[in-house]
């Protein structure tokens, strides 16, 4: 077996394999911290089981959020909806822009026919 073939076989092992676990355990803490900081799960390979578990986790988080919203006082600030788990091939959602004082005044002027 060539070294190239061995490298390809190791690279395509599942993340939970004994080989990848041993490589992670052998890494120093600074290297692990660096990898965690720049981790991009949306670029990883996921099995169908991992996709289904992510869907279940997202739905449970959504149910918890709905339960909180239903049982909170009407005048209280509602919590933000939960972020879905990042999946392979999907970029993180962008935050919606908030309406600040200046843009609210400008919008009010436009509605009143004050377009210049």
C-alpha atoms as a PDB file:
ATOM      1  CA  UNK A   1       0.000   0.000   0.000  1.00  0.00           C
ATOM      2  CA  UNK A   2       1.368   3.429  -0.886  1.00  0.00           C
ATOM      3  CA  UNK A   3       1.648   6.325   1.585  1.00  0.00           C
ATOM      4  CA  UNK A   4      -0.802   8.308  -0.532  1.00  0.00           C
ATOM      5  CA  UNK A   5      -3.390   5.521  -0.352  1.00  0.00           C
ATOM      6  CA  UNK A   6      -2.948   5.277   3.432  1.00  0.00           C
ATOM      7  CA  UNK A   7      -3.409   9.067   3.805  1.00  0.00           C
ATOM      8  CA  UNK A   8      -6.613   8.964   1.729  1.00  0.00           C
ATOM      9  CA  UNK A   9      -7.982   6.088   3.788  1.00  0.00           C
ATOM     10  CA  UNK A  10      -7.273   7.924   7.054  1.00  0.00           C
ATOM     11  CA  UNK A  11      -8.765  11.196   5.767  1.00  0.00           C
ATOM     12  CA  UNK A  12     -12.020   9.465   4.860  1.00  0.00           C
ATOM     13  CA  UNK A  13     -12.503   7.709   8.186  1.00  0.00           C
ATOM     14  CA  UNK A  14     -15.539   8.880  10.176  1.00  0.00           C
ATOM     15  CA  UNK A  15     -14.776  11.574  12.783  1.00  0.00           C
ATOM     16  CA  UNK A  16     -15.678   9.232  15.645  1.00  0.00           C
ATOM     17  CA  UNK A  17     -13.182   6.540  14.517  1.00  0.00           C
ATOM     18  CA  UNK A  18     -10.420   5.370  16.859  1.00  0.00           C
ATOM     19  CA  UNK A  19      -7.754   6.845  14.563  1.00  0.00           C
ATOM     20  CA  UNK A  20      -9.219  10.373  14.557  1.00  0.00           C
ATOM     21  CA  UNK A  21      -9.861  10.135  18.304  1.00  0.00           C
ATOM     22  CA  UNK A  22      -6.219   9.213  18.919  1.00  0.00           C
ATOM     23  CA  UNK A  23      -5.056  12.107  16.698  1.00  0.00           C
ATOM     24  CA  UNK A  24      -7.293  14.552  18.609  1.00  0.00           C
ATOM     25  CA  UNK A  25      -6.090  13.201  21.965  1.00  0.00           C
ATOM     26  CA  UNK A  26      -2.461  13.633  20.887  1.00  0.00           C
ATOM     27  CA  UNK A  27      -2.943  17.295  19.876  1.00  0.00           C
ATOM     28  CA  UNK A  28      -1.783  19.995  22.289  1.00  0.00           C
ATOM     29  CA  UNK A  29      -4.396  22.301  23.915  1.00  0.00           C
ATOM     30  CA  UNK A  30      -3.332  25.382  21.895  1.00  0.00           C
ATOM     31  CA  UNK A  31      -3.826  23.510  18.621  1.00  0.00           C
ATOM     32  CA  UNK A  32      -7.244  22.242  19.742  1.00  0.00           C
ATOM     33  CA  UNK A  33      -8.283  25.754  20.818  1.00  0.00           C
ATOM     34  CA  UNK A  34      -7.189  27.145  17.450  1.00  0.00           C
ATOM     35  CA  UNK A  35      -9.160  24.516  15.578  1.00  0.00           C
ATOM     36  CA  UNK A  36     -12.244  25.133  17.737  1.00  0.00           C
ATOM     37  CA  UNK A  37     -12.057  28.887  17.162  1.00  0.00           C
ATOM     38  CA  UNK A  38     -11.988  28.556  13.386  1.00  0.00           C
ATOM     39  CA  UNK A  39     -14.235  25.516  13.187  1.00  0.00           C
ATOM     40  CA  UNK A  40     -16.713  25.473  10.316  1.00  0.00           C
ATOM     41  CA  UNK A  41     -19.133  22.562  10.737  1.00  0.00           C
ATOM     42  CA  UNK A  42     -20.927  23.525   7.529  1.00  0.00           C
ATOM     43  CA  UNK A  43     -17.840  22.364   5.592  1.00  0.00           C
ATOM     44  CA  UNK A  44     -17.674  18.945   7.255  1.00  0.00           C
ATOM     45  CA  UNK A  45     -19.120  15.650   6.093  1.00  0.00           C
ATOM     46  CA  UNK A  46     -22.317  14.668   7.905  1.00  0.00           C
ATOM     47  CA  UNK A  47     -24.067  11.339   7.788  1.00  0.00           C
ATOM     48  CA  UNK A  48     -27.824  11.063   7.409  1.00  0.00           C
ATOM     49  CA  UNK A  49     -28.066  10.239  11.122  1.00  0.00           C
ATOM     50  CA  UNK A  50     -26.232  13.453  12.041  1.00  0.00           C
ATOM     51  CA  UNK A  51     -28.562  15.448   9.793  1.00  0.00           C
ATOM     52  CA  UNK A  52     -31.617  13.911  11.476  1.00  0.00           C
ATOM     53  CA  UNK A  53     -30.238  14.552  14.974  1.00  0.00           C
ATOM     54  CA  UNK A  54     -29.650  18.207  14.028  1.00  0.00           C
ATOM     55  CA  UNK A  55     -33.264  18.504  12.830  1.00  0.00           C
ATOM     56  CA  UNK A  56     -34.546  17.022  16.108  1.00  0.00           C
ATOM     57  CA  UNK A  57     -32.322  19.345  18.158  1.00  0.00           C
ATOM     58  CA  UNK A  58     -33.555  22.372  16.180  1.00  0.00           C
ATOM     59  CA  UNK A  59     -37.183  21.408  16.664  1.00  0.00           C
ATOM     60  CA  UNK A  60     -36.751  20.831  20.403  1.00  0.00           C
ATOM     61  CA  UNK A  61     -35.073  24.228  20.725  1.00  0.00           C
ATOM     62  CA  UNK A  62     -37.941  25.812  18.760  1.00  0.00           C
ATOM     63  CA  UNK A  63     -40.531  24.128  21.017  1.00  0.00           C
ATOM     64  CA  UNK A  64     -38.702  25.405  24.088  1.00  0.00           C
ATOM     65  CA  UNK A  65     -38.673  28.926  22.608  1.00  0.00           C
ATOM     66  CA  UNK A  66     -42.412  28.774  21.817  1.00  0.00           C
ATOM     67  CA  UNK A  67     -43.126  27.543  25.344  1.00  0.00           C
ATOM     68  CA  UNK A  68     -41.178  30.477  26.782  1.00  0.00           C
ATOM     69  CA  UNK A  69     -42.969  32.960  24.514  1.00  0.00           C
ATOM     70  CA  UNK A  70     -46.401  31.623  25.432  1.00  0.00           C
ATOM     71  CA  UNK A  71     -45.746  31.723  29.186  1.00  0.00           C
ATOM     72  CA  UNK A  72     -44.068  35.124  29.351  1.00  0.00           C
ATOM     73  CA  UNK A  73     -45.948  38.256  30.386  1.00  0.00           C
ATOM     74  CA  UNK A  74     -47.296  40.257  27.449  1.00  0.00           C
ATOM     75  CA  UNK A  75     -45.291  43.383  28.268  1.00  0.00           C
ATOM     76  CA  UNK A  76     -42.011  41.516  28.746  1.00  0.00           C
ATOM     77  CA  UNK A  77     -39.406  41.341  26.002  1.00  0.00           C
ATOM     78  CA  UNK A  78     -39.591  38.052  24.146  1.00  0.00           C
ATOM     79  CA  UNK A  79     -36.385  36.043  23.753  1.00  0.00           C
ATOM     80  CA  UNK A  80     -34.777  35.777  20.338  1.00  0.00           C
ATOM     81  CA  UNK A  81     -35.666  32.641  18.370  1.00  0.00           C
ATOM     82  CA  UNK A  82     -33.035  29.888  18.567  1.00  0.00           C
ATOM     83  CA  UNK A  83     -30.332  29.620  15.933  1.00  0.00           C
ATOM     84  CA  UNK A  84     -30.476  26.352  13.997  1.00  0.00           C
ATOM     85  CA  UNK A  85     -27.449  24.083  14.154  1.00  0.00           C
ATOM     86  CA  UNK A  86     -25.062  24.891  11.334  1.00  0.00           C
ATOM     87  CA  UNK A  87     -25.148  22.202   8.670  1.00  0.00           C
ATOM     88  CA  UNK A  88     -22.766  21.280   5.858  1.00  0.00           C
ATOM     89  CA  UNK A  89     -23.276  23.477   2.813  1.00  0.00           C
ATOM     90  CA  UNK A  90     -25.268  26.156   4.683  1.00  0.00           C
ATOM     91  CA  UNK A  91     -23.796  29.476   5.756  1.00  0.00           C
ATOM     92  CA  UNK A  92     -24.836  30.963   9.114  1.00  0.00           C
ATOM     93  CA  UNK A  93     -27.938  33.153   9.015  1.00  0.00           C
ATOM     94  CA  UNK A  94     -27.360  36.877   8.827  1.00  0.00           C
ATOM     95  CA  UNK A  95     -28.915  39.000  11.537  1.00  0.00           C
ATOM     96  CA  UNK A  96     -31.856  41.133  10.426  1.00  0.00           C
ATOM     97  CA  UNK A  97     -31.117  44.854  10.563  1.00  0.00           C
ATOM     98  CA  UNK A  98     -32.760  46.637  13.483  1.00  0.00           C
ATOM     99  CA  UNK A  99     -34.845  49.765  12.931  1.00  0.00           C
ATOM    100  CA  UNK A 100     -33.051  52.612  14.711  1.00  0.00           C
ATOM    101  CA  UNK A 101     -34.289  56.143  15.436  1.00  0.00           C
ATOM    102  CA  UNK A 102     -32.882  57.732  12.259  1.00  0.00           C
ATOM    103  CA  UNK A 103     -34.217  55.095   9.902  1.00  0.00           C
ATOM    104  CA  UNK A 104     -37.611  55.157  11.656  1.00  0.00           C
ATOM    105  CA  UNK A 105     -37.833  58.936  11.164  1.00  0.00           C
ATOM    106  CA  UNK A 106     -36.771  58.610   7.515  1.00  0.00           C
ATOM    107  CA  UNK A 107     -39.378  55.901   6.940  1.00  0.00           C
ATOM    108  CA  UNK A 108     -42.048  58.075   8.556  1.00  0.00           C
ATOM    109  CA  UNK A 109     -41.084  60.984   6.259  1.00  0.00           C
ATOM    110  CA  UNK A 110     -41.302  58.750   3.192  1.00  0.00           C
ATOM    111  CA  UNK A 111     -44.738  57.492   4.238  1.00  0.00           C
ATOM    112  CA  UNK A 112     -45.940  61.071   4.731  1.00  0.00           C
ATOM    113  CA  UNK A 113     -44.926  61.954   1.171  1.00  0.00           C
ATOM    114  CA  UNK A 114     -41.722  63.686   2.093  1.00  0.00           C
ATOM    115  CA  UNK A 115     -39.510  61.936  -0.453  1.00  0.00           C
ATOM    116  CA  UNK A 116     -36.921  64.386  -1.689  1.00  0.00           C
END
